[in-house]
Amino acid sequence: MLTDKHYDLVVVGAGVIGLACAYEATERGMSVAVVERNAHCVGASIRNFGFVTVTGQRSGEHWHRARLSSETWLKVAQQANIDVIHRGLYVVAQRSQALAVLQSFMSTDMGEDCRWLSESERHSRLPFLQQASGVMFSPHECRVESRQAIAQMAFWLEEKRGVDFFWKTAVTDIELPKIHTSSGAITGTYCVACPGHDLYSLFPELQRETDIQMSTLQMLRVDPGQPIKLPGAVMSDLSLVRYDGYTALPESSALADRIALEQPQHLAQGVHLIVVQSADGSLVVGDSHVYGEAEDPFAQQATDELIMQSFHDVLNLPAARITERWMGTYASAQEVVHHVNPQPGLAIGIVTGGTGASTCFGFAKELIDAVTGESHVRPLSSFIH
């Protein structure tokens, strides 16, 4: 056995969902072990924007997951010494149809705290912005550097919360109270498995019985070519035809039709624009979406060019240049989360909408409730302050 200690909860997977589950369990006073097959997190949780997105998430439960997660990220970041690099989101409406979508969105409950930027605010906050029909500001979002933040969170959970981590240890079977691994067994009362996009090692039936696919993304790091300070994340029209909180609005169909005429290649490659800034001043820019049964390891120059075209359409930074490229990946399905309980005390949880960092802490509450049988818990909306 790896240890003769008995844990209240064993978490399989040290990505952001697994770490959020470990955090939630320690909040409830549980003893926790995290088992991870790699030497450190290498998957979707570190290959993303580090952008905790609330605005535009699917309305209802998923939006509440994101609101709760954004608040919890700020709390955890302070305790774990994780830099919150910037806060807020600027959604740039390039077309009149995009302006109509945002106006409709702001009339919903989800748009309650969002507002339009005045002309003077646009110039002061985003002086490098190209011409736009309007800019909506949301205060809910925040940005961390995932490559460091995930490791810092794991370190903090171990050092300050007493979570035991077993790295380079693959789980081979789960028969509670035994969690069998490549290095022996661990015992736990409950188990939450967070396999991310690995659907073949432990739970191949999920791939066979659901519509879960793999989404592969092209991501870029960009030198802006001049010193700039990005006050928050930036999105544009292409995001309004991808995010469920916007596409569910009746006004979105006119925008989608116009983009289909003007940017069909962008839609074919699933390109939409997100720009965030890192502490060194560089920008993380993306992304694209290609779907299949496995990760596509090969990046296409043409797709990078489509992403950068969208970048230049929104931001007047003509000297910007790509300095780094990488491939992201996540599990994708029609439903934004996938949650099953194959045996008492065991839950499998996957965020299948590409919003793991944005909804992890809200989803973790649901997963811990599921394994412990806590049916008296308050709805997620009641946790939002």
Protein backbone atom coordinates (compact mmCIF):
# COMPACT_ATOMS: atom_id res chain seq x y z
CA MET A 1 0.00 0.00 0.00
CA LEU A 2 1.09 3.59 -0.61
CA THR A 3 -0.03 4.48 2.90
CA ASP A 4 -2.01 2.87 5.70
CA LYS A 5 -3.88 6.12 6.28
CA HIS A 6 -7.63 6.07 5.66
CA TYR A 7 -8.96 9.19 3.95
CA ASP A 8 -12.43 10.64 3.99
CA LEU A 9 -12.02 11.47 0.30
CA VAL A 10 -9.66 10.34 -2.44
CA VAL A 11 -9.57 12.57 -5.52
CA VAL A 12 -8.35 11.10 -8.81
CA GLY A 13 -6.74 13.79 -10.95
CA ALA A 14 -4.84 16.94 -9.97
CA GLY A 15 -6.31 19.24 -12.61
CA VAL A 16 -8.36 22.24 -11.64
CA ILE A 17 -11.55 20.23 -10.97
CA GLY A 18 -9.68 17.76 -8.77
CA LEU A 19 -7.97 20.54 -6.83
CA ALA A 20 -11.29 22.34 -6.39
CA CYS A 21 -12.78 19.12 -4.99
CA ALA A 22 -9.86 18.79 -2.57
CA TYR A 23 -10.41 22.40 -1.49
CA GLU A 24 -14.15 21.93 -0.98
CA ALA A 25 -13.59 18.76 1.03
CA THR A 26 -11.09 20.46 3.34
CA GLU A 27 -13.61 23.27 3.81
CA ARG A 28 -15.90 20.57 5.24
CA GLY A 29 -13.18 19.21 7.53
CA MET A 30 -12.48 16.07 5.51
CA SER A 31 -9.12 14.36 5.17
CA VAL A 32 -8.10 14.24 1.52
CA ALA A 33 -5.66 12.49 -0.81
CA VAL A 34 -5.13 13.45 -4.46
CA VAL A 35 -3.76 10.84 -6.87
CA GLU A 36 -2.25 12.03 -10.16
CA ARG A 37 -0.61 9.86 -12.81
CA ASN A 38 1.75 12.60 -14.04
CA ALA A 39 4.59 14.28 -12.16
CA HIS A 40 2.56 17.51 -12.25
CA CYS A 41 -0.51 18.82 -14.03
CA VAL A 42 0.05 18.83 -17.81
CA GLY A 43 -3.47 18.82 -19.24
CA ALA A 44 -6.22 21.29 -20.04
CA SER A 45 -5.90 23.04 -16.67
CA ILE A 46 -2.55 24.62 -17.57
CA ARG A 47 -3.03 25.01 -21.33
CA ASN A 48 -5.79 27.60 -21.12
CA PHE A 49 -6.15 31.37 -20.71
CA GLY A 50 -6.37 31.26 -16.91
CA PHE A 51 -9.49 33.31 -17.56
CA VAL A 52 -12.31 32.77 -15.08
CA THR A 53 -15.35 33.61 -17.21
CA VAL A 54 -18.82 34.33 -15.86
CA THR A 55 -20.39 36.53 -18.51
CA GLY A 56 -21.73 34.49 -21.41
CA GLN A 57 -21.92 31.16 -19.59
CA ARG A 58 -25.06 29.11 -20.15
CA SER A 59 -27.88 30.64 -18.15
CA GLY A 60 -29.11 29.00 -14.98
CA GLU A 61 -27.06 26.45 -13.08
CA HIS A 62 -23.84 26.82 -15.08
CA TRP A 63 -23.85 30.60 -14.74
CA HIS A 64 -24.27 30.17 -10.98
CA ARG A 65 -21.34 27.73 -10.95
CA ALA A 66 -19.22 30.38 -12.63
CA ARG A 67 -20.32 33.20 -10.32
CA LEU A 68 -19.51 31.13 -7.25
CA SER A 69 -16.21 29.96 -8.74
CA SER A 70 -15.09 33.50 -9.57
CA GLU A 71 -15.67 34.60 -5.98
CA THR A 72 -13.89 31.52 -4.63
CA TRP A 73 -10.92 32.00 -6.97
CA LEU A 74 -10.31 35.42 -5.44
CA LYS A 75 -10.45 33.94 -1.95
CA VAL A 76 -8.15 31.02 -2.79
CA ALA A 77 -5.73 33.23 -4.73
CA GLN A 78 -5.23 35.47 -1.73
CA GLN A 79 -4.57 32.54 0.60
CA ALA A 80 -2.40 30.58 -1.84
CA ASN A 81 -0.33 33.59 -2.98
CA ILE A 82 -1.61 33.34 -6.55
CA ASP A 83 -1.44 36.57 -8.54
CA VAL A 84 -4.71 37.82 -9.95
CA ILE A 85 -3.22 39.56 -12.97
CA HIS A 86 -6.28 41.49 -14.03
CA ARG A 87 -10.03 41.58 -13.42
CA GLY A 88 -13.10 42.26 -15.51
CA LEU A 89 -14.10 41.61 -19.12
CA TYR A 90 -14.49 43.98 -22.07
CA VAL A 91 -16.79 42.64 -24.80
CA VAL A 92 -16.24 44.67 -27.95
CA ALA A 93 -19.21 44.88 -30.32
CA GLN A 94 -17.81 45.36 -33.82
CA ARG A 95 -21.11 45.03 -35.70
CA SER A 96 -24.55 46.52 -35.09
CA GLN A 97 -25.92 42.98 -34.73
CA ALA A 98 -23.40 42.32 -31.93
CA LEU A 99 -24.53 45.50 -30.21
CA ALA A 100 -28.10 44.19 -30.31
CA VAL A 101 -27.01 40.89 -28.73
CA LEU A 102 -25.26 42.70 -25.89
CA GLN A 103 -28.20 45.03 -25.33
CA SER A 104 -30.47 42.01 -25.04
CA PHE A 105 -28.00 40.28 -22.72
CA MET A 106 -27.86 43.27 -20.40
CA SER A 107 -31.63 43.13 -19.98
CA THR A 108 -31.36 39.61 -18.50
CA ASP A 109 -30.56 38.75 -14.89
CA MET A 110 -27.04 37.77 -15.98
CA GLY A 111 -26.34 41.26 -17.27
CA GLU A 112 -27.42 43.03 -14.11
CA ASP A 113 -23.93 44.12 -13.03
CA CYS A 114 -22.62 44.76 -16.56
CA ARG A 115 -22.55 48.22 -18.10
CA TRP A 116 -21.60 50.14 -21.24
CA LEU A 117 -18.32 52.03 -21.35
CA SER A 118 -18.55 55.70 -22.22
CA GLU A 119 -16.42 57.01 -25.10
CA SER A 120 -13.97 58.57 -22.65
CA GLU A 121 -13.69 55.31 -20.70
CA ARG A 122 -12.92 53.40 -23.89
CA HIS A 123 -10.07 55.78 -24.73
CA SER A 124 -8.63 55.76 -21.21
CA ARG A 125 -8.89 52.03 -20.56
CA LEU A 126 -8.39 50.64 -24.07
CA PRO A 127 -6.53 53.33 -26.06
CA PHE A 128 -5.39 50.71 -28.60
CA LEU A 129 -8.96 49.60 -29.41
CA GLN A 130 -10.07 49.68 -33.04
CA GLN A 131 -13.37 51.34 -33.97
CA ALA A 132 -16.31 49.64 -32.23
CA SER A 133 -20.08 50.02 -32.02
CA GLY A 134 -19.94 49.64 -28.26
CA VAL A 135 -18.04 48.02 -25.38
CA MET A 136 -19.75 46.16 -22.55
CA PHE A 137 -17.86 45.82 -19.26
CA SER A 138 -18.43 42.94 -16.84
CA PRO A 139 -16.86 43.10 -13.35
CA HIS A 140 -17.13 39.37 -12.61
CA GLU A 141 -14.10 37.95 -14.40
CA CYS A 142 -10.52 37.47 -13.21
CA ARG A 143 -7.32 36.10 -14.71
CA VAL A 144 -4.53 33.97 -13.22
CA GLU A 145 -1.51 32.43 -14.94
CA SER A 146 -2.58 28.80 -15.07
CA ARG A 147 0.92 27.43 -15.60
CA GLN A 148 1.90 28.67 -12.16
CA ALA A 149 -1.48 28.92 -10.42
CA ILE A 150 -2.35 25.22 -10.58
CA ALA A 151 0.99 24.22 -9.06
CA GLN A 152 0.68 26.93 -6.41
CA MET A 153 -2.79 25.74 -5.47
CA ALA A 154 -1.58 22.16 -5.11
CA PHE A 155 1.34 23.30 -2.94
CA TRP A 156 -0.97 25.38 -0.75
CA LEU A 157 -3.46 22.52 -0.33
CA GLU A 158 -0.61 20.25 0.76
CA GLU A 159 1.21 22.70 3.04
CA LYS A 160 -1.71 24.57 4.60
CA ARG A 161 -4.70 22.26 4.20
CA GLY A 162 -3.02 18.91 4.91
CA VAL A 163 -3.91 17.29 1.58
CA ASP A 164 -1.68 14.35 0.66
CA PHE A 165 -0.59 14.20 -3.00
CA PHE A 166 0.53 11.03 -4.73
CA TRP A 167 2.21 12.06 -8.01
CA LYS A 168 3.32 9.71 -10.80
CA THR A 169 0.67 7.28 -9.60
CA ALA A 170 -1.96 5.94 -12.01
CA VAL A 171 -5.31 4.73 -10.69
CA THR A 172 -6.17 1.35 -12.21
CA ASP A 173 -9.50 0.53 -10.53
CA ILE A 174 -11.89 1.86 -7.92
CA GLU A 175 -13.67 -0.52 -5.55
CA LEU A 176 -14.44 1.52 -2.49
CA PRO A 177 -13.02 1.68 0.05
CA LYS A 178 -10.03 0.64 -2.09
CA ILE A 179 -8.59 2.84 -4.82
CA HIS A 180 -6.14 0.62 -6.67
CA THR A 181 -3.10 2.32 -8.22
CA SER A 182 0.09 1.47 -10.06
CA SER A 183 1.92 1.71 -6.73
CA GLY A 184 -0.56 -0.06 -4.46
CA ALA A 185 -3.90 0.69 -2.87
CA ILE A 186 -5.24 3.72 -1.00
CA THR A 187 -8.32 3.52 1.17
CA GLY A 188 -11.01 6.16 1.31
CA THR A 189 -14.63 6.44 2.35
CA TYR A 190 -15.48 8.47 -0.76
CA CYS A 191 -13.88 9.05 -4.14
CA VAL A 192 -14.28 11.72 -6.80
CA ALA A 193 -12.67 11.00 -10.17
CA CYS A 194 -11.86 13.98 -12.40
CA PRO A 195 -10.38 12.44 -15.58
CA GLY A 196 -10.59 15.58 -17.71
CA HIS A 197 -10.26 14.60 -21.36
CA ASP A 198 -8.81 11.13 -20.59
CA LEU A 199 -11.90 9.00 -21.19
CA TYR A 200 -10.21 5.72 -22.01
CA SER A 201 -8.01 4.75 -19.05
CA LEU A 202 -10.54 4.28 -16.24
CA PHE A 203 -13.98 4.92 -17.69
CA PRO A 204 -14.08 3.88 -21.37
CA GLU A 205 -17.84 3.33 -21.07
CA LEU A 206 -18.25 7.11 -20.83
CA GLN A 207 -16.88 7.46 -24.34
CA ARG A 208 -19.11 4.69 -25.63
CA GLU A 209 -22.33 5.76 -23.90
CA THR A 210 -22.17 9.55 -24.22
CA ASP A 211 -21.57 12.16 -26.92
CA ILE A 212 -18.29 13.28 -25.36
CA GLN A 213 -15.66 14.25 -27.93
CA MET A 214 -12.22 15.84 -27.79
CA SER A 215 -11.79 19.50 -28.61
CA THR A 216 -8.32 20.66 -29.64
CA LEU A 217 -7.40 24.35 -29.52
CA GLN A 218 -4.60 26.44 -30.98
CA MET A 219 -3.26 28.96 -28.48
CA LEU A 220 -0.78 31.79 -28.93
CA ARG A 221 1.44 33.98 -26.81
CA VAL A 222 1.90 37.38 -28.44
CA ASP A 223 4.34 40.20 -27.87
CA PRO A 224 2.12 43.31 -28.30
CA GLY A 225 4.99 45.21 -29.93
CA GLN A 226 4.64 48.13 -27.54
CA PRO A 227 4.16 48.54 -23.80
CA ILE A 228 0.46 48.25 -23.01
CA LYS A 229 -1.62 47.62 -19.91
CA LEU A 230 -4.66 45.46 -20.54
CA PRO A 231 -7.12 46.26 -17.71
CA GLY A 232 -9.12 43.08 -18.25
CA ALA A 233 -9.87 40.33 -20.74
CA VAL A 234 -11.12 41.25 -24.22
CA MET A 235 -13.69 39.40 -26.35
CA SER A 236 -15.46 40.35 -29.58
CA ASP A 237 -18.27 39.40 -31.98
CA LEU A 238 -16.99 35.87 -32.65
CA SER A 239 -17.38 35.03 -28.95
CA LEU A 240 -21.03 36.09 -29.08
CA VAL A 241 -21.80 33.25 -31.50
CA ARG A 242 -20.00 30.63 -29.35
CA TYR A 243 -20.93 31.31 -25.71
CA ASP A 244 -24.30 29.84 -24.72
CA GLY A 245 -25.36 32.86 -22.68
CA TYR A 246 -25.38 34.89 -25.89
CA THR A 247 -26.38 32.29 -28.49
CA ALA A 248 -29.60 31.52 -26.60
CA LEU A 249 -30.77 35.10 -27.22
CA PRO A 250 -33.01 35.61 -30.28
CA GLU A 251 -30.81 38.51 -31.48
CA SER A 252 -27.84 36.18 -31.92
CA SER A 253 -29.17 34.58 -35.11
CA ALA A 254 -28.77 37.79 -37.14
CA LEU A 255 -25.18 38.14 -35.91
CA ALA A 256 -24.43 34.51 -36.75
CA ASP A 257 -25.81 34.97 -40.26
CA ARG A 258 -23.65 38.03 -40.89
CA ILE A 259 -20.47 36.40 -39.55
CA ALA A 260 -21.18 33.32 -41.69
CA LEU A 261 -21.08 35.58 -44.73
CA GLU A 262 -18.07 37.65 -43.69
CA GLN A 263 -15.89 35.16 -41.77
CA PRO A 264 -16.84 31.61 -42.84
CA GLN A 265 -13.30 30.29 -42.33
CA HIS A 266 -13.29 31.53 -38.73
CA LEU A 267 -16.51 29.67 -38.03
CA ALA A 268 -15.24 26.53 -39.76
CA GLN A 269 -12.18 26.47 -37.48
CA GLY A 270 -14.18 27.45 -34.40
CA VAL A 271 -12.13 30.63 -34.01
CA HIS A 272 -13.20 33.25 -31.53
CA LEU A 273 -11.15 35.94 -29.86
CA ILE A 274 -10.05 36.04 -26.24
CA VAL A 275 -7.11 38.25 -25.25
CA VAL A 276 -5.65 38.31 -21.74
CA GLN A 277 -2.37 39.65 -20.39
CA SER A 278 0.40 37.99 -18.40
CA ALA A 279 2.54 39.56 -15.72
CA ASP A 280 5.45 40.00 -18.17
CA GLY A 281 3.29 42.13 -20.48
CA SER A 282 2.80 39.46 -23.13
CA LEU A 283 -0.68 38.54 -24.31
CA VAL A 284 -2.32 35.13 -24.43
CA VAL A 285 -4.48 35.04 -27.55
CA GLY A 286 -6.81 32.40 -28.96
CA ASP A 287 -8.43 30.22 -29.85
CA SER A 288 -9.74 27.65 -32.32
CA HIS A 289 -11.76 24.44 -31.90
CA VAL A 290 -11.39 21.17 -33.80
CA TYR A 291 -13.47 18.19 -32.66
CA GLY A 292 -12.76 14.48 -32.89
CA GLU A 293 -12.26 11.25 -30.97
CA ALA A 294 -8.67 12.13 -30.04
CA GLU A 295 -6.48 15.18 -29.59
CA ASP A 296 -5.18 16.64 -32.84
CA PRO A 297 -1.46 17.27 -32.17
CA PHE A 298 -0.75 19.25 -35.35
CA ALA A 299 -1.14 23.04 -35.42
CA GLN A 300 -2.03 24.80 -38.66
CA GLN A 301 -0.40 28.08 -39.67
CA ALA A 302 -3.61 29.10 -41.44
CA THR A 303 -5.52 28.84 -38.17
CA ASP A 304 -2.95 31.01 -36.38
CA GLU A 305 -3.43 33.58 -39.12
CA LEU A 306 -7.21 33.56 -38.63
CA ILE A 307 -6.76 34.10 -34.90
CA MET A 308 -4.33 36.97 -35.48
CA GLN A 309 -6.63 38.50 -38.07
CA SER A 310 -9.35 38.63 -35.43
CA PHE A 311 -6.82 40.11 -33.01
CA HIS A 312 -5.88 42.95 -35.37
CA ASP A 313 -9.53 43.60 -36.21
CA VAL A 314 -10.12 44.47 -32.56
CA LEU A 315 -6.80 45.83 -31.27
CA ASN A 316 -4.65 48.40 -33.05
CA LEU A 317 -1.28 46.79 -32.30
CA PRO A 318 0.35 46.46 -35.74
CA ALA A 319 3.76 45.34 -34.42
CA ALA A 320 2.32 42.42 -32.42
CA ARG A 321 4.07 39.11 -33.11
CA ILE A 322 3.64 35.50 -32.03
CA THR A 323 6.32 34.27 -29.62
CA GLU A 324 4.89 30.91 -28.51
CA ARG A 325 2.35 28.35 -29.72
CA TRP A 326 0.74 25.42 -27.97
CA MET A 327 -2.21 23.06 -28.27
CA GLY A 328 -4.99 23.03 -25.71
CA THR A 329 -7.53 20.28 -25.30
CA TYR A 330 -10.67 19.49 -23.36
CA ALA A 331 -13.60 17.07 -23.34
CA SER A 332 -16.59 18.45 -25.22
CA ALA A 333 -20.28 17.52 -25.26
CA GLN A 334 -23.69 19.08 -25.66
CA GLU A 335 -24.07 19.28 -21.89
CA VAL A 336 -21.61 21.62 -20.18
CA VAL A 337 -20.84 19.19 -17.34
CA HIS A 338 -20.93 15.41 -17.14
CA HIS A 339 -21.56 13.87 -13.71
CA VAL A 340 -22.32 10.22 -12.93
CA ASN A 341 -22.34 8.08 -9.77
CA PRO A 342 -21.45 4.53 -10.88
CA GLN A 343 -21.36 3.21 -7.31
CA PRO A 344 -22.23 4.56 -3.86
CA GLY A 345 -19.62 7.01 -2.65
CA LEU A 346 -18.04 7.47 -6.11
CA ALA A 347 -18.64 10.38 -8.46
CA ILE A 348 -17.11 11.04 -11.87
CA GLY A 349 -17.07 14.70 -12.82
CA ILE A 350 -16.04 16.26 -16.14
CA VAL A 351 -16.59 19.81 -17.32
CA THR A 352 -17.43 19.29 -20.98
CA GLY A 353 -17.92 22.91 -22.06
CA GLY A 354 -14.30 24.08 -21.93
CA THR A 355 -15.04 26.07 -18.77
CA GLY A 356 -13.24 24.05 -16.11
CA ALA A 357 -11.28 26.95 -14.61
CA SER A 358 -14.40 29.11 -14.71
CA THR A 359 -16.77 26.72 -12.94
CA CYS A 360 -14.52 24.38 -10.92
CA PHE A 361 -15.42 25.46 -7.40
CA GLY A 362 -19.16 25.48 -8.04
CA PHE A 363 -19.00 22.06 -9.68
CA ALA A 364 -16.84 20.72 -6.84
CA LYS A 365 -19.61 21.50 -4.35
CA GLU A 366 -22.01 19.36 -6.38
CA LEU A 367 -19.54 16.47 -6.64
CA ILE A 368 -18.79 16.40 -2.91
CA ASP A 369 -22.51 16.62 -2.14
CA ALA A 370 -23.09 13.67 -4.48
CA VAL A 371 -20.61 11.31 -2.83
CA THR A 372 -21.48 12.26 0.75
CA GLY A 373 -25.23 12.22 0.13
CA GLU A 374 -25.76 15.72 1.46
CA SER A 375 -29.19 16.41 0.04
CA HIS A 376 -29.83 19.32 2.41
CA VAL A 377 -27.26 21.62 0.80
CA ARG A 378 -28.34 25.07 -0.37
CA PRO A 379 -28.63 25.71 -4.11
CA LEU A 380 -25.52 27.19 -5.73
CA SER A 381 -27.24 30.55 -6.23
CA SER A 382 -27.50 31.02 -2.47
CA PHE A 383 -23.70 30.94 -2.09
CA ILE A 384 -23.17 33.94 -4.37
CA HIS A 385 -22.48 37.20 -2.58
